[in-house]
């Protein structure tokens, strides 16, 4: 069941200015006027504008590949799916393939788009494209990681076990895992329906 809400009028931007900047991020102060006349200033982090990609790579029909790497924000090692920023001139699929080659030493012959997601949209203006990567083939590219990443194979039949892992906490990886599981379930249902139609 879904309910349609009236379209909201987006606030008018009165002014914008960069208040802090680093090599990777820009913090922008935005003065806004809402449709009811209220004035507010919001601060938001600006990304590159190109977005990022995350891939659930399927080594075979039963095995996905994850990587364990250092996460500076938490100052520990985290388990997640290969991901990274889209470089200038790249399509999301090209970026996804490059990231796979850099992080796990495989390219993918097929990419299945699942969903584009955001993270903390009240403060961060960036999106990430989530994919399933299939038909993997060995190919390596040099990445920018300071140390080799640990590649962790995981059975698609043990989703609950992965969700229980204390170092599997990144929200976008969790979203990709659950979307991948949903896609697999839909594929299984379609195959059953097709088989039933043939028998009929």
Protein backbone atom coordinates (compact mmCIF):
# COMPACT_ATOMS: atom_id res chain seq x y z
CA UNK A 1 0.00 0.00 0.00
CA UNK A 2 1.35 3.43 -0.89
CA UNK A 3 0.12 6.92 -0.21
CA UNK A 4 0.90 9.89 -2.43
CA UNK A 5 1.80 13.08 -0.62
CA UNK A 6 1.50 16.54 -2.16
CA UNK A 7 4.72 17.76 -3.77
CA UNK A 8 6.69 20.00 -1.43
CA UNK A 9 8.07 23.28 -2.71
CA UNK A 10 11.86 23.19 -2.50
CA UNK A 11 13.33 26.10 -0.50
CA UNK A 12 14.90 28.97 -2.45
CA UNK A 13 18.70 29.26 -2.18
CA UNK A 14 19.54 32.87 -1.30
CA UNK A 15 23.31 32.47 -1.09
CA UNK A 16 26.04 29.84 -0.88
CA UNK A 17 29.62 30.04 0.32
CA UNK A 18 32.44 27.60 1.05
CA UNK A 19 33.34 27.82 4.76
CA UNK A 20 35.92 25.00 4.92
CA UNK A 21 37.84 22.95 2.41
CA UNK A 22 40.20 19.97 2.38
CA UNK A 23 41.71 17.74 -0.26
CA UNK A 24 38.59 15.55 -0.32
CA UNK A 25 35.71 17.61 1.07
CA UNK A 26 34.16 21.06 0.93
CA UNK A 27 31.77 22.40 3.58
CA UNK A 28 29.26 24.86 2.18
CA UNK A 29 26.98 27.24 4.10
CA UNK A 30 23.64 27.67 2.32
CA UNK A 31 21.14 30.41 3.16
CA UNK A 32 17.60 29.24 2.42
CA UNK A 33 14.11 30.69 2.31
CA UNK A 34 11.30 28.17 2.85
CA UNK A 35 7.87 28.41 1.23
CA UNK A 36 6.36 29.62 4.53
CA UNK A 37 8.83 32.54 4.67
CA UNK A 38 11.18 31.00 7.27
CA UNK A 39 14.89 31.73 6.78
CA UNK A 40 17.57 29.20 7.75
CA UNK A 41 21.24 28.53 7.16
CA UNK A 42 22.30 24.93 6.56
CA UNK A 43 25.79 23.52 6.31
CA UNK A 44 26.42 20.64 3.95
CA UNK A 45 29.40 18.66 2.70
CA UNK A 46 29.92 18.79 -1.03
CA UNK A 47 31.23 15.71 -2.83
CA UNK A 48 32.98 15.64 -6.18
CA UNK A 49 29.62 15.72 -7.99
CA UNK A 50 30.45 12.56 -9.90
CA UNK A 51 29.24 10.15 -7.24
CA UNK A 52 30.61 6.77 -6.24
CA UNK A 53 30.04 3.08 -6.87
CA UNK A 54 29.80 -0.07 -4.76
CA UNK A 55 29.78 -3.60 -6.20
CA UNK A 56 28.68 -6.97 -4.82
CA UNK A 57 31.03 -9.20 -6.85
CA UNK A 58 29.78 -12.75 -7.44
CA UNK A 59 32.70 -15.17 -7.83
CA UNK A 60 30.20 -17.90 -8.72
CA UNK A 61 26.50 -18.55 -8.17
CA UNK A 62 27.04 -19.15 -4.46
CA UNK A 63 29.98 -16.93 -3.45
CA UNK A 64 30.38 -13.18 -3.14
CA UNK A 65 33.64 -11.40 -2.42
CA UNK A 66 34.18 -8.75 0.25
CA UNK A 67 37.26 -6.83 1.32
CA UNK A 68 38.54 -5.99 4.78
CA UNK A 69 40.34 -2.65 4.87
CA UNK A 70 41.33 0.12 7.25
CA UNK A 71 38.57 2.67 7.94
CA UNK A 72 40.09 5.95 9.13
CA UNK A 73 36.79 7.31 10.48
CA UNK A 74 36.48 4.45 12.98
CA UNK A 75 40.24 3.75 13.25
CA UNK A 76 39.73 0.02 12.79
CA UNK A 77 39.35 -2.56 10.03
CA UNK A 78 35.96 -2.95 8.38
CA UNK A 79 34.48 -5.62 6.14
CA UNK A 80 32.54 -4.41 3.10
CA UNK A 81 32.13 -4.58 -0.65
CA UNK A 82 34.53 -2.97 -3.15
CA UNK A 83 33.73 0.70 -3.66
CA UNK A 84 35.16 4.03 -4.71
CA UNK A 85 34.66 7.38 -6.39
CA UNK A 86 33.85 7.78 -10.07
CA UNK A 87 36.84 9.36 -11.81
CA UNK A 88 36.44 12.21 -14.36
CA UNK A 89 35.28 10.85 -17.71
CA UNK A 90 34.14 7.49 -16.32
CA UNK A 91 30.65 6.03 -16.44
CA UNK A 92 29.47 4.39 -13.21
CA UNK A 93 29.94 0.93 -14.80
CA UNK A 94 33.51 1.78 -15.86
CA UNK A 95 34.28 3.00 -12.35
CA UNK A 96 32.76 -0.17 -10.88
CA UNK A 97 34.94 -2.35 -13.09
CA UNK A 98 38.08 -0.37 -12.27
CA UNK A 99 37.41 -0.58 -8.53
CA UNK A 100 36.97 -4.37 -8.77
CA UNK A 101 40.28 -4.75 -10.59
CA UNK A 102 42.05 -2.53 -8.06
CA UNK A 103 40.55 -4.08 -4.93
CA UNK A 104 39.96 -7.78 -5.65
CA UNK A 105 41.91 -8.47 -8.85
CA UNK A 106 38.86 -9.27 -10.98
CA UNK A 107 36.84 -7.49 -13.63
CA UNK A 108 33.17 -8.25 -14.27
CA UNK A 109 31.56 -9.16 -17.56
CA UNK A 110 28.12 -8.06 -16.37
CA UNK A 111 26.90 -5.34 -14.04
CA UNK A 112 23.36 -5.35 -12.69
CA UNK A 113 22.23 -1.96 -11.37
CA UNK A 114 20.30 -2.27 -8.10
CA UNK A 115 19.75 1.25 -6.76
CA UNK A 116 21.38 4.62 -6.26
CA UNK A 117 21.53 5.56 -2.58
CA UNK A 118 22.55 8.55 -0.50
CA UNK A 119 24.22 8.81 2.88
CA UNK A 120 23.11 11.39 5.46
CA UNK A 121 21.34 13.49 2.79
CA UNK A 122 20.63 16.26 5.29
CA UNK A 123 24.35 17.02 5.38
CA UNK A 124 26.07 15.27 2.46
CA UNK A 125 25.34 15.86 -1.23
CA UNK A 126 26.63 12.64 -2.76
CA UNK A 127 25.13 9.50 -4.24
CA UNK A 128 26.41 5.95 -4.67
CA UNK A 129 25.40 3.49 -7.39
CA UNK A 130 25.00 -0.09 -6.13
CA UNK A 131 25.70 -2.98 -8.50
CA UNK A 132 25.97 -6.74 -8.65
CA UNK A 133 29.05 -7.81 -10.62
CA UNK A 134 28.86 -11.17 -12.40
CA UNK A 135 30.95 -13.25 -14.81
CA UNK A 136 34.20 -12.33 -13.07
CA UNK A 137 37.52 -12.69 -14.87
CA UNK A 138 41.04 -12.24 -13.42
CA UNK A 139 42.56 -8.81 -14.09
CA UNK A 140 44.47 -6.56 -11.72
CA UNK A 141 45.01 -2.81 -11.64
CA UNK A 142 47.17 -0.94 -9.17
CA UNK A 143 45.05 0.86 -6.62
CA UNK A 144 45.81 3.61 -4.11
CA UNK A 145 45.46 1.52 -0.95
CA UNK A 146 48.44 1.74 1.44
CA UNK A 147 48.43 -2.03 2.03
CA UNK A 148 47.02 -5.13 0.30
CA UNK A 149 43.33 -5.62 1.03
CA UNK A 150 42.14 -8.86 2.60
CA UNK A 151 39.71 -10.56 0.21
CA UNK A 152 36.96 -12.45 2.06
CA UNK A 153 34.75 -14.96 0.17
CA UNK A 154 31.27 -15.34 1.68
CA UNK A 155 28.39 -17.67 0.85
CA UNK A 156 25.22 -15.99 -0.39
CA UNK A 157 23.36 -18.55 1.74
CA UNK A 158 24.80 -17.06 4.95
CA UNK A 159 23.46 -13.51 4.82
CA UNK A 160 22.49 -13.66 8.50
CA UNK A 161 26.03 -14.66 9.42
CA UNK A 162 27.45 -11.69 7.52
CA UNK A 163 24.99 -9.29 9.14
CA UNK A 164 26.11 -10.64 12.53
CA UNK A 165 29.78 -9.86 11.82
CA UNK A 166 30.93 -7.12 14.23
CA UNK A 167 33.08 -5.47 11.54
CA UNK A 168 30.35 -5.47 8.86
CA UNK A 169 28.68 -2.18 9.80
CA UNK A 170 28.85 0.10 6.73
CA UNK A 171 25.27 1.03 5.87
CA UNK A 172 25.71 1.07 2.10
CA UNK A 173 27.28 -2.41 2.13
CA UNK A 174 24.36 -3.66 4.22
CA UNK A 175 21.88 -2.07 1.81
CA UNK A 176 23.67 -3.67 -1.16
CA UNK A 177 23.66 -7.08 0.53
CA UNK A 178 19.92 -6.97 1.18
CA UNK A 179 19.16 -5.66 -2.31
CA UNK A 180 21.31 -8.45 -3.78
CA UNK A 181 19.41 -11.02 -1.70
CA UNK A 182 16.10 -9.58 -2.94
CA UNK A 183 17.34 -9.70 -6.56
CA UNK A 184 18.33 -13.36 -6.16
CA UNK A 185 14.93 -14.20 -4.71
CA UNK A 186 13.20 -12.48 -7.63
CA UNK A 187 15.40 -14.36 -10.09
CA UNK A 188 14.49 -17.67 -8.43
CA UNK A 189 10.79 -16.82 -8.58
CA UNK A 190 11.02 -15.88 -12.27
CA UNK A 191 12.81 -19.17 -13.05
CA UNK A 192 10.10 -21.13 -11.22
CA UNK A 193 7.35 -19.28 -13.10
CA UNK A 194 9.14 -19.91 -16.40
CA UNK A 195 9.51 -23.62 -15.61
CA UNK A 196 5.81 -23.84 -14.67
CA UNK A 197 4.82 -22.14 -17.94
CA UNK A 198 6.87 -24.68 -19.93
CA UNK A 199 5.27 -27.60 -18.08
CA UNK A 200 1.82 -26.18 -18.73
